[in-house]
């Protein structure tokens, strides 16, 4: 089961993301809390976490090598680049994940 999110059609959510992503995410965060689901047209649902503590927990529990990069590459690479942890898999992903883990640790 996925966390709650907008009930708007995926095409509308995609349009909102393309026109004003900050406002969209702010509204979703205020309505649904620090974890919510977004449905983009033509893609599987994506779950977002909005705190460093939650992001660190995701990184800590994803010990399988981060195999989501291939699924997101075509959609995200033009926005985040080809060296983003969001679009990598395997050894490159693991190297970048380890570099990000210390700054995400809760203080």
PDB file of N, CA and C in Angstrom:
ATOM      1  N   UNK A   1       0.839  -1.179   0.000  1.00  0.00           N
ATOM      2  CA  UNK A   1       0.000   0.000   0.000  1.00  0.00           C
ATOM      3  C   UNK A   1       0.888   1.248   0.000  1.00  0.00           C
ATOM      4  N   UNK A   2       0.530   2.196  -0.816  1.00  0.00           N
ATOM      5  CA  UNK A   2       1.296   3.437  -0.933  1.00  0.00           C
ATOM      6  C   UNK A   2       0.789   4.488   0.047  1.00  0.00           C
ATOM      7  N   UNK A   3       1.649   5.420   0.431  1.00  0.00           N
ATOM      8  CA  UNK A   3       1.201   6.539   1.269  1.00  0.00           C
ATOM      9  C   UNK A   3       0.154   7.375   0.528  1.00  0.00           C
ATOM     10  N   UNK A   4      -0.601   8.188   1.250  1.00  0.00           N
ATOM     11  CA  UNK A   4      -1.613   9.019   0.598  1.00  0.00           C
ATOM     12  C   UNK A   4      -0.982  10.048  -0.334  1.00  0.00           C
ATOM     13  N   UNK A   5      -1.800  10.552  -1.227  1.00  0.00           N
ATOM     14  CA  UNK A   5      -1.368  11.585  -2.163  1.00  0.00           C
ATOM     15  C   UNK A   5      -2.578  12.208  -2.820  1.00  0.00           C
ATOM     16  N   UNK A   6      -2.329  13.036  -3.791  1.00  0.00           N
ATOM     17  CA  UNK A   6      -3.408  13.715  -4.500  1.00  0.00           C
ATOM     18  C   UNK A   6      -4.300  12.708  -5.214  1.00  0.00           C
ATOM     19  N   UNK A   7      -5.570  12.995  -5.233  1.00  0.00           N
ATOM     20  CA  UNK A   7      -6.527  12.161  -5.960  1.00  0.00           C
ATOM     21  C   UNK A   7      -6.773  12.685  -7.369  1.00  0.00           C
ATOM     22  N   UNK A   8      -6.107  13.760  -7.724  1.00  0.00           N
ATOM     23  CA  UNK A   8      -6.261  14.308  -9.075  1.00  0.00           C
ATOM     24  C   UNK A   8      -5.720  13.321 -10.095  1.00  0.00           C
ATOM     25  N   UNK A   9      -6.233  13.351 -11.327  1.00  0.00           N
ATOM     26  CA  UNK A   9      -5.716  12.458 -12.369  1.00  0.00           C
ATOM     27  C   UNK A   9      -4.220  12.678 -12.592  1.00  0.00           C
ATOM     28  N   UNK A  10      -3.541  11.630 -13.025  1.00  0.00           N
ATOM     29  CA  UNK A  10      -2.090  11.716 -13.219  1.00  0.00           C
ATOM     30  C   UNK A  10      -1.712  12.806 -14.217  1.00  0.00           C
ATOM     31  N   UNK A  11      -2.524  13.041 -15.234  1.00  0.00           N
ATOM     32  CA  UNK A  11      -2.218  14.099 -16.202  1.00  0.00           C
ATOM     33  C   UNK A  11      -2.228  15.473 -15.528  1.00  0.00           C
ATOM     34  N   UNK A  12      -3.150  15.685 -14.603  1.00  0.00           N
ATOM     35  CA  UNK A  12      -3.224  16.955 -13.877  1.00  0.00           C
ATOM     36  C   UNK A  12      -2.036  17.090 -12.936  1.00  0.00           C
ATOM     37  N   UNK A  13      -1.675  16.012 -12.229  1.00  0.00           N
ATOM     38  CA  UNK A  13      -0.515  16.058 -11.345  1.00  0.00           C
ATOM     39  C   UNK A  13       0.755  16.350 -12.132  1.00  0.00           C
ATOM     40  N   UNK A  14       0.869  15.768 -13.305  1.00  0.00           N
ATOM     41  CA  UNK A  14       2.036  16.026 -14.157  1.00  0.00           C
ATOM     42  C   UNK A  14       2.080  17.479 -14.583  1.00  0.00           C
ATOM     43  N   UNK A  15       0.943  18.026 -14.980  1.00  0.00           N
ATOM     44  CA  UNK A  15       0.884  19.434 -15.381  1.00  0.00           C
ATOM     45  C   UNK A  15       1.237  20.351 -14.219  1.00  0.00           C
ATOM     46  N   UNK A  16       0.762  20.021 -13.029  1.00  0.00           N
ATOM     47  CA  UNK A  16       1.090  20.820 -11.847  1.00  0.00           C
ATOM     48  C   UNK A  16       2.588  20.777 -11.564  1.00  0.00           C
ATOM     49  N   UNK A  17       3.178  19.603 -11.692  1.00  0.00           N
ATOM     50  CA  UNK A  17       4.614  19.460 -11.476  1.00  0.00           C
ATOM     51  C   UNK A  17       5.399  20.281 -12.491  1.00  0.00           C
ATOM     52  N   UNK A  18       4.974  20.259 -13.727  1.00  0.00           N
ATOM     53  CA  UNK A  18       5.699  20.971 -14.785  1.00  0.00           C
ATOM     54  C   UNK A  18       5.568  22.491 -14.649  1.00  0.00           C
ATOM     55  N   UNK A  19       4.454  22.975 -14.105  1.00  0.00           N
ATOM     56  CA  UNK A  19       4.250  24.415 -14.019  1.00  0.00           C
ATOM     57  C   UNK A  19       4.743  25.036 -12.710  1.00  0.00           C
ATOM     58  N   UNK A  20       4.576  24.323 -11.598  1.00  0.00           N
ATOM     59  CA  UNK A  20       4.986  24.889 -10.306  1.00  0.00           C
ATOM     60  C   UNK A  20       5.252  23.759  -9.298  1.00  0.00           C
ATOM     61  N   UNK A  21       6.378  23.055  -9.452  1.00  0.00           N
ATOM     62  CA  UNK A  21       6.634  21.900  -8.586  1.00  0.00           C
ATOM     63  C   UNK A  21       6.764  22.260  -7.106  1.00  0.00           C
ATOM     64  N   UNK A  22       7.326  23.403  -6.793  1.00  0.00           N
ATOM     65  CA  UNK A  22       7.499  23.776  -5.389  1.00  0.00           C
ATOM     66  C   UNK A  22       6.144  23.946  -4.713  1.00  0.00           C
ATOM     67  N   UNK A  23       5.254  24.636  -5.373  1.00  0.00           N
ATOM     68  CA  UNK A  23       3.903  24.832  -4.822  1.00  0.00           C
ATOM     69  C   UNK A  23       3.181  23.490  -4.681  1.00  0.00           C
ATOM     70  N   UNK A  24       3.328  22.622  -5.694  1.00  0.00           N
ATOM     71  CA  UNK A  24       2.687  21.312  -5.648  1.00  0.00           C
ATOM     72  C   UNK A  24       3.180  20.501  -4.454  1.00  0.00           C
ATOM     73  N   UNK A  25       4.506  20.417  -4.295  1.00  0.00           N
ATOM     74  CA  UNK A  25       5.064  19.632  -3.199  1.00  0.00           C
ATOM     75  C   UNK A  25       4.723  20.243  -1.842  1.00  0.00           C
ATOM     76  N   UNK A  26       4.702  21.562  -1.764  1.00  0.00           N
ATOM     77  CA  UNK A  26       4.334  22.224  -0.516  1.00  0.00           C
ATOM     78  C   UNK A  26       2.903  21.863  -0.124  1.00  0.00           C
ATOM     79  N   UNK A  27       1.989  21.904  -1.076  1.00  0.00           N
ATOM     80  CA  UNK A  27       0.595  21.546  -0.796  1.00  0.00           C
ATOM     81  C   UNK A  27       0.466  20.087  -0.368  1.00  0.00           C
ATOM     82  N   UNK A  28       1.152  19.204  -1.085  1.00  0.00           N
ATOM     83  CA  UNK A  28       1.086  17.785  -0.739  1.00  0.00           C
ATOM     84  C   UNK A  28       1.647  17.538   0.657  1.00  0.00           C
ATOM     85  N   UNK A  29       2.746  18.214   0.977  1.00  0.00           N
ATOM     86  CA  UNK A  29       3.358  18.062   2.298  1.00  0.00           C
ATOM     87  C   UNK A  29       2.425  18.566   3.391  1.00  0.00           C
ATOM     88  N   UNK A  30       1.819  19.720   3.191  1.00  0.00           N
ATOM     89  CA  UNK A  30       0.902  20.269   4.194  1.00  0.00           C
ATOM     90  C   UNK A  30      -0.330  19.385   4.379  1.00  0.00           C
ATOM     91  N   UNK A  31      -0.817  18.806   3.290  1.00  0.00           N
ATOM     92  CA  UNK A  31      -2.033  18.000   3.377  1.00  0.00           C
ATOM     93  C   UNK A  31      -1.777  16.574   3.877  1.00  0.00           C
ATOM     94  N   UNK A  32      -0.673  15.957   3.417  1.00  0.00           N
ATOM     95  CA  UNK A  32      -0.458  14.535   3.673  1.00  0.00           C
ATOM     96  C   UNK A  32       0.696  14.228   4.627  1.00  0.00           C
ATOM     97  N   UNK A  33       1.451  15.230   5.015  1.00  0.00           N
ATOM     98  CA  UNK A  33       2.556  14.992   5.929  1.00  0.00           C
ATOM     99  C   UNK A  33       3.872  14.758   5.195  1.00  0.00           C
ATOM    100  N   UNK A  34       4.878  14.230   5.895  1.00  0.00           N
ATOM    101  CA  UNK A  34       6.232  14.148   5.343  1.00  0.00           C
ATOM    102  C   UNK A  34       6.464  13.029   4.331  1.00  0.00           C
ATOM    103  N   UNK A  35       5.462  12.168   4.123  1.00  0.00           N
ATOM    104  CA  UNK A  35       5.574  11.107   3.116  1.00  0.00           C
ATOM    105  C   UNK A  35       4.300  11.135   2.281  1.00  0.00           C
ATOM    106  N   UNK A  36       4.448  11.242   0.961  1.00  0.00           N
ATOM    107  CA  UNK A  36       3.262  11.262   0.105  1.00  0.00           C
ATOM    108  C   UNK A  36       3.589  10.674  -1.268  1.00  0.00           C
ATOM    109  N   UNK A  37       2.547  10.318  -1.993  1.00  0.00           N
ATOM    110  CA  UNK A  37       2.669   9.698  -3.304  1.00  0.00           C
ATOM    111  C   UNK A  37       2.243  10.674  -4.387  1.00  0.00           C
ATOM    112  N   UNK A  38       2.987  10.678  -5.492  1.00  0.00           N
ATOM    113  CA  UNK A  38       2.639  11.474  -6.667  1.00  0.00           C
ATOM    114  C   UNK A  38       2.509  10.521  -7.841  1.00  0.00           C
ATOM    115  N   UNK A  39       1.526  10.772  -8.684  1.00  0.00           N
ATOM    116  CA  UNK A  39       1.309   9.945  -9.868  1.00  0.00           C
ATOM    117  C   UNK A  39       1.498  10.820 -11.107  1.00  0.00           C
ATOM    118  N   UNK A  40       2.572  10.553 -11.831  1.00  0.00           N
ATOM    119  CA  UNK A  40       2.851  11.263 -13.073  1.00  0.00           C
ATOM    120  C   UNK A  40       2.297  10.458 -14.239  1.00  0.00           C
ATOM    121  N   UNK A  41       1.798  11.149 -15.227  1.00  0.00           N
ATOM    122  CA  UNK A  41       1.216  10.493 -16.400  1.00  0.00           C
ATOM    123  C   UNK A  41       2.253   9.604 -17.086  1.00  0.00           C
ATOM    124  N   UNK A  42       1.918   8.343 -17.289  1.00  0.00           N
ATOM    125  CA  UNK A  42       2.784   7.419 -18.002  1.00  0.00           C
ATOM    126  C   UNK A  42       3.868   6.774 -17.172  1.00  0.00           C
ATOM    127  N   UNK A  43       3.882   7.021 -15.862  1.00  0.00           N
ATOM    128  CA  UNK A  43       4.911   6.475 -14.980  1.00  0.00           C
ATOM    129  C   UNK A  43       4.263   5.824 -13.767  1.00  0.00           C
ATOM    130  N   UNK A  44       4.963   4.888 -13.136  1.00  0.00           N
ATOM    131  CA  UNK A  44       4.417   4.322 -11.892  1.00  0.00           C
ATOM    132  C   UNK A  44       4.409   5.374 -10.790  1.00  0.00           C
ATOM    133  N   UNK A  45       3.591   5.183  -9.770  1.00  0.00           N
ATOM    134  CA  UNK A  45       3.559   6.152  -8.664  1.00  0.00           C
ATOM    135  C   UNK A  45       4.937   6.306  -8.022  1.00  0.00           C
ATOM    136  N   UNK A  46       5.225   7.528  -7.550  1.00  0.00           N
ATOM    137  CA  UNK A  46       6.479   7.798  -6.850  1.00  0.00           C
ATOM    138  C   UNK A  46       6.164   8.293  -5.452  1.00  0.00           C
ATOM    139  N   UNK A  47       6.881   7.761  -4.494  1.00  0.00           N
ATOM    140  CA  UNK A  47       6.717   8.159  -3.102  1.00  0.00           C
ATOM    141  C   UNK A  47       7.836   9.134  -2.752  1.00  0.00           C
ATOM    142  N   UNK A  48       7.467  10.254  -2.128  1.00  0.00           N
ATOM    143  CA  UNK A  48       8.426  11.274  -1.730  1.00  0.00           C
ATOM    144  C   UNK A  48       8.518  11.318  -0.211  1.00  0.00           C
ATOM    145  N   UNK A  49       9.728  11.523   0.283  1.00  0.00           N
ATOM    146  CA  UNK A  49       9.966  11.789   1.696  1.00  0.00           C
ATOM    147  C   UNK A  49      10.546  13.191   1.785  1.00  0.00           C
ATOM    148  N   UNK A  50      10.169  13.920   2.830  1.00  0.00           N
ATOM    149  CA  UNK A  50      10.498  15.347   2.859  1.00  0.00           C
ATOM    150  C   UNK A  50      11.392  15.777   4.015  1.00  0.00           C
ATOM    151  N   UNK A  51      11.952  14.818   4.720  1.00  0.00           N
ATOM    152  CA  UNK A  51      12.870  15.181   5.796  1.00  0.00           C
ATOM    153  C   UNK A  51      14.179  14.424   5.617  1.00  0.00           C
ATOM    154  N   UNK A  52      15.232  14.992   6.149  1.00  0.00           N
ATOM    155  CA  UNK A  52      16.542  14.333   6.078  1.00  0.00           C
ATOM    156  C   UNK A  52      16.513  12.999   6.817  1.00  0.00           C
ATOM    157  N   UNK A  53      15.787  12.943   7.921  1.00  0.00           N
ATOM    158  CA  UNK A  53      15.716  11.702   8.696  1.00  0.00           C
ATOM    159  C   UNK A  53      15.064  10.584   7.888  1.00  0.00           C
ATOM    160  N   UNK A  54      13.986  10.905   7.187  1.00  0.00           N
ATOM    161  CA  UNK A  54      13.320   9.896   6.362  1.00  0.00           C
ATOM    162  C   UNK A  54      14.188   9.495   5.177  1.00  0.00           C
ATOM    163  N   UNK A  55      14.850  10.461   4.550  1.00  0.00           N
ATOM    164  CA  UNK A  55      15.734  10.145   3.423  1.00  0.00           C
ATOM    165  C   UNK A  55      16.867   9.240   3.887  1.00  0.00           C
ATOM    166  N   UNK A  56      17.416   9.517   5.054  1.00  0.00           N
ATOM    167  CA  UNK A  56      18.495   8.679   5.587  1.00  0.00           C
ATOM    168  C   UNK A  56      17.984   7.263   5.841  1.00  0.00           C
ATOM    169  N   UNK A  57      16.759   7.142   6.333  1.00  0.00           N
ATOM    170  CA  UNK A  57      16.175   5.825   6.577  1.00  0.00           C
ATOM    171  C   UNK A  57      16.002   5.058   5.259  1.00  0.00           C
ATOM    172  N   UNK A  58      15.572   5.744   4.210  1.00  0.00           N
ATOM    173  CA  UNK A  58      15.427   5.100   2.901  1.00  0.00           C
ATOM    174  C   UNK A  58      16.784   4.616   2.416  1.00  0.00           C
ATOM    175  N   UNK A  59      17.788   5.472   2.473  1.00  0.00           N
ATOM    176  CA  UNK A  59      19.123   5.077   2.031  1.00  0.00           C
ATOM    177  C   UNK A  59      19.663   3.919   2.872  1.00  0.00           C
ATOM    178  N   UNK A  60      19.434   3.951   4.171  1.00  0.00           N
ATOM    179  CA  UNK A  60      19.949   2.916   5.061  1.00  0.00           C
ATOM    180  C   UNK A  60      19.298   1.569   4.785  1.00  0.00           C
ATOM    181  N   UNK A  61      18.011   1.565   4.466  1.00  0.00           N
ATOM    182  CA  UNK A  61      17.301   0.304   4.259  1.00  0.00           C
ATOM    183  C   UNK A  61      17.408  -0.213   2.832  1.00  0.00           C
ATOM    184  N   UNK A  62      17.842   0.610   1.887  1.00  0.00           N
ATOM    185  CA  UNK A  62      17.974   0.180   0.492  1.00  0.00           C
ATOM    186  C   UNK A  62      19.377  -0.379   0.276  1.00  0.00           C
ATOM    187  N   UNK A  63      19.594  -1.579   0.759  1.00  0.00           N
ATOM    188  CA  UNK A  63      20.908  -2.194   0.638  1.00  0.00           C
ATOM    189  C   UNK A  63      21.026  -3.061  -0.609  1.00  0.00           C
ATOM    190  N   UNK A  64      20.002  -3.081  -1.449  1.00  0.00           N
ATOM    191  CA  UNK A  64      20.000  -3.938  -2.631  1.00  0.00           C
ATOM    192  C   UNK A  64      20.696  -3.337  -3.832  1.00  0.00           C
ATOM    193  N   UNK A  65      21.295  -2.209  -3.720  1.00  0.00           N
ATOM    194  CA  UNK A  65      22.031  -1.629  -4.839  1.00  0.00           C
ATOM    195  C   UNK A  65      21.321  -0.517  -5.555  1.00  0.00           C
ATOM    196  N   UNK A  66      20.195  -0.081  -5.065  1.00  0.00           N
ATOM    197  CA  UNK A  66      19.514   1.054  -5.670  1.00  0.00           C
ATOM    198  C   UNK A  66      19.149   0.817  -7.118  1.00  0.00           C
ATOM    199  N   UNK A  67      18.219  -0.061  -7.371  1.00  0.00           N
ATOM    200  CA  UNK A  67      17.892  -0.438  -8.745  1.00  0.00           C
ATOM    201  C   UNK A  67      16.784   0.401  -9.359  1.00  0.00           C
ATOM    202  N   UNK A  68      16.481   1.536  -8.787  1.00  0.00           N
ATOM    203  CA  UNK A  68      15.424   2.388  -9.332  1.00  0.00           C
ATOM    204  C   UNK A  68      15.935   3.344 -10.396  1.00  0.00           C
ATOM    205  N   UNK A  69      17.242   3.528 -10.515  1.00  0.00           N
ATOM    206  CA  UNK A  69      17.799   4.491 -11.465  1.00  0.00           C
ATOM    207  C   UNK A  69      17.384   4.253 -12.895  1.00  0.00           C
ATOM    208  N   UNK A  70      17.407   3.005 -13.337  1.00  0.00           N
ATOM    209  CA  UNK A  70      17.033   2.695 -14.718  1.00  0.00           C
ATOM    210  C   UNK A  70      15.589   3.081 -15.000  1.00  0.00           C
ATOM    211  N   UNK A  71      14.720   2.892 -14.016  1.00  0.00           N
ATOM    212  CA  UNK A  71      13.309   3.227 -14.204  1.00  0.00           C
ATOM    213  C   UNK A  71      13.084   4.730 -14.295  1.00  0.00           C
ATOM    214  N   UNK A  72      13.948   5.516 -13.648  1.00  0.00           N
ATOM    215  CA  UNK A  72      13.775   6.974 -13.631  1.00  0.00           C
ATOM    216  C   UNK A  72      14.647   7.713 -14.633  1.00  0.00           C
ATOM    217  N   UNK A  73      15.618   7.041 -15.211  1.00  0.00           N
ATOM    218  CA  UNK A  73      16.633   7.710 -16.031  1.00  0.00           C
ATOM    219  C   UNK A  73      16.035   8.544 -17.157  1.00  0.00           C
ATOM    220  N   UNK A  74      15.180   7.961 -17.984  1.00  0.00           N
ATOM    221  CA  UNK A  74      14.623   8.700 -19.125  1.00  0.00           C
ATOM    222  C   UNK A  74      13.854   9.936 -18.689  1.00  0.00           C
ATOM    223  N   UNK A  75      13.176   9.838 -17.552  1.00  0.00           N
ATOM    224  CA  UNK A  75      12.342  10.933 -17.082  1.00  0.00           C
ATOM    225  C   UNK A  75      13.149  12.018 -16.365  1.00  0.00           C
ATOM    226  N   UNK A  76      14.119  11.633 -15.563  1.00  0.00           N
ATOM    227  CA  UNK A  76      14.804  12.588 -14.697  1.00  0.00           C
ATOM    228  C   UNK A  76      16.166  13.071 -15.173  1.00  0.00           C
ATOM    229  N   UNK A  77      16.843  12.296 -15.991  1.00  0.00           N
ATOM    230  CA  UNK A  77      18.232  12.619 -16.303  1.00  0.00           C
ATOM    231  C   UNK A  77      18.399  14.018 -16.882  1.00  0.00           C
ATOM    232  N   UNK A  78      17.476  14.478 -17.697  1.00  0.00           N
ATOM    233  CA  UNK A  78      17.607  15.822 -18.269  1.00  0.00           C
ATOM    234  C   UNK A  78      17.458  16.914 -17.210  1.00  0.00           C
ATOM    235  N   UNK A  79      16.828  16.586 -16.062  1.00  0.00           N
ATOM    236  CA  UNK A  79      16.651  17.577 -14.999  1.00  0.00           C
ATOM    237  C   UNK A  79      17.768  17.524 -13.964  1.00  0.00           C
ATOM    238  N   UNK A  80      18.239  16.305 -13.628  1.00  0.00           N
ATOM    239  CA  UNK A  80      19.201  16.160 -12.542  1.00  0.00           C
ATOM    240  C   UNK A  80      20.592  15.763 -13.013  1.00  0.00           C
ATOM    241  N   UNK A  81      20.741  15.425 -14.296  1.00  0.00           N
ATOM    242  CA  UNK A  81      22.041  15.048 -14.839  1.00  0.00           C
ATOM    243  C   UNK A  81      22.306  13.556 -14.726  1.00  0.00           C
ATOM    244  N   UNK A  82      23.345  13.117 -15.398  1.00  0.00           N
ATOM    245  CA  UNK A  82      23.648  11.687 -15.429  1.00  0.00           C
ATOM    246  C   UNK A  82      24.500  11.243 -14.243  1.00  0.00           C
ATOM    247  N   UNK A  83      24.847  12.164 -13.350  1.00  0.00           N
ATOM    248  CA  UNK A  83      25.627  11.809 -12.156  1.00  0.00           C
ATOM    249  C   UNK A  83      24.799  11.952 -10.887  1.00  0.00           C
ATOM    250  N   UNK A  84      23.485  11.880 -11.006  1.00  0.00           N
ATOM    251  CA  UNK A  84      22.615  11.986  -9.837  1.00  0.00           C
ATOM    252  C   UNK A  84      22.339  10.603  -9.273  1.00  0.00           C
ATOM    253  N   UNK A  85      22.282  10.527  -7.945  1.00  0.00           N
ATOM    254  CA  UNK A  85      21.940   9.266  -7.287  1.00  0.00           C
ATOM    255  C   UNK A  85      20.541   8.810  -7.701  1.00  0.00           C
ATOM    256  N   UNK A  86      19.714   9.732  -8.181  1.00  0.00           N
ATOM    257  CA  UNK A  86      18.359   9.395  -8.610  1.00  0.00           C
ATOM    258  C   UNK A  86      18.326   8.605  -9.917  1.00  0.00           C
ATOM    259  N   UNK A  87      19.402   8.674 -10.702  1.00  0.00           N
ATOM    260  CA  UNK A  87      19.401   8.008 -12.008  1.00  0.00           C
ATOM    261  C   UNK A  87      20.481   6.945 -12.140  1.00  0.00           C
ATOM    262  N   UNK A  88      21.147   6.620 -11.052  1.00  0.00           N
ATOM    263  CA  UNK A  88      22.234   5.632 -11.097  1.00  0.00           C
ATOM    264  C   UNK A  88      21.792   4.301 -10.525  1.00  0.00           C
ATOM    265  N   UNK A  89      22.546   3.275 -10.865  1.00  0.00           N
ATOM    266  CA  UNK A  89      22.374   1.934 -10.326  1.00  0.00           C
ATOM    267  C   UNK A  89      23.750   1.348 -10.036  1.00  0.00           C
ATOM    268  N   UNK A  90      23.758   0.228  -9.321  1.00  0.00           N
ATOM    269  CA  UNK A  90      24.979  -0.540  -9.119  1.00  0.00           C
ATOM    270  C   UNK A  90      26.058   0.192  -8.337  1.00  0.00           C
ATOM    271  N   UNK A  91      27.316   0.001  -8.777  1.00  0.00           N
ATOM    272  CA  UNK A  91      28.471   0.553  -8.077  1.00  0.00           C
ATOM    273  C   UNK A  91      28.476   2.068  -8.006  1.00  0.00           C
ATOM    274  N   UNK A  92      28.102   2.738  -9.097  1.00  0.00           N
ATOM    275  CA  UNK A  92      28.048   4.207  -9.079  1.00  0.00           C
ATOM    276  C   UNK A  92      27.026   4.701  -8.070  1.00  0.00           C
ATOM    277  N   UNK A  93      25.868   4.047  -8.048  1.00  0.00           N
ATOM    278  CA  UNK A  93      24.829   4.428  -7.104  1.00  0.00           C
ATOM    279  C   UNK A  93      25.331   4.239  -5.674  1.00  0.00           C
ATOM    280  N   UNK A  94      25.950   3.092  -5.406  1.00  0.00           N
ATOM    281  CA  UNK A  94      26.417   2.804  -4.056  1.00  0.00           C
ATOM    282  C   UNK A  94      27.464   3.820  -3.599  1.00  0.00           C
ATOM    283  N   UNK A  95      28.382   4.188  -4.493  1.00  0.00           N
ATOM    284  CA  UNK A  95      29.413   5.175  -4.155  1.00  0.00           C
ATOM    285  C   UNK A  95      28.769   6.512  -3.776  1.00  0.00           C
ATOM    286  N   UNK A  96      27.833   6.984  -4.591  1.00  0.00           N
ATOM    287  CA  UNK A  96      27.174   8.258  -4.310  1.00  0.00           C
ATOM    288  C   UNK A  96      26.291   8.168  -3.061  1.00  0.00           C
ATOM    289  N   UNK A  97      25.614   7.054  -2.872  1.00  0.00           N
ATOM    290  CA  UNK A  97      24.767   6.885  -1.694  1.00  0.00           C
ATOM    291  C   UNK A  97      25.598   6.984  -0.423  1.00  0.00           C
ATOM    292  N   UNK A  98      26.752   6.336  -0.404  1.00  0.00           N
ATOM    293  CA  UNK A  98      27.619   6.391   0.779  1.00  0.00           C
ATOM    294  C   UNK A  98      28.116   7.809   1.031  1.00  0.00           C
ATOM    295  N   UNK A  99      28.363   8.556  -0.036  1.00  0.00           N
ATOM    296  CA  UNK A  99      28.806   9.945   0.128  1.00  0.00           C
ATOM    297  C   UNK A  99      27.684  10.817   0.701  1.00  0.00           C
ATOM    298  N   UNK A 100      26.439  10.490   0.378  1.00  0.00           N
ATOM    299  CA  UNK A 100      25.306  11.284   0.867  1.00  0.00           C
ATOM    300  C   UNK A 100      24.865  10.908   2.267  1.00  0.00           C
ATOM    301  N   UNK A 101      25.126   9.707   2.696  1.00  0.00           N
ATOM    302  CA  UNK A 101      24.605   9.240   3.974  1.00  0.00           C
ATOM    303  C   UNK A 101      25.025  10.109   5.159  1.00  0.00           C
ATOM    304  N   UNK A 102      26.306  10.469   5.347  1.00  0.00           N
ATOM    305  CA  UNK A 102      26.652  11.286   6.527  1.00  0.00           C
ATOM    306  C   UNK A 102      25.878  12.603   6.632  1.00  0.00           C
ATOM    307  N   UNK A 103      25.723  13.385   5.559  1.00  0.00           N
ATOM    308  CA  UNK A 103      24.970  14.636   5.720  1.00  0.00           C
ATOM    309  C   UNK A 103      23.497  14.420   6.045  1.00  0.00           C
ATOM    310  N   UNK A 104      22.970  13.243   5.744  1.00  0.00           N
ATOM    311  CA  UNK A 104      21.543  12.995   6.001  1.00  0.00           C
ATOM    312  C   UNK A 104      21.280  12.435   7.390  1.00  0.00           C
ATOM    313  N   UNK A 105      22.297  12.111   8.127  1.00  0.00           N
ATOM    314  CA  UNK A 105      22.105  11.561   9.472  1.00  0.00           C
ATOM    315  C   UNK A 105      21.432  12.602  10.383  1.00  0.00           C
ATOM    316  N   UNK A 106      20.479  12.111  11.159  1.00  0.00           N
ATOM    317  CA  UNK A 106      19.801  13.003  12.115  1.00  0.00           C
ATOM    318  C   UNK A 106      20.789  13.465  13.175  1.00  0.00           C
ATOM    319  N   UNK A 107      20.661  14.688  13.567  1.00  0.00           N
ATOM    320  CA  UNK A 107      21.574  15.241  14.573  1.00  0.00           C
ATOM    321  C   UNK A 107      20.890  15.300  15.922  1.00  0.00           C
TER     322      UNK A 107
END
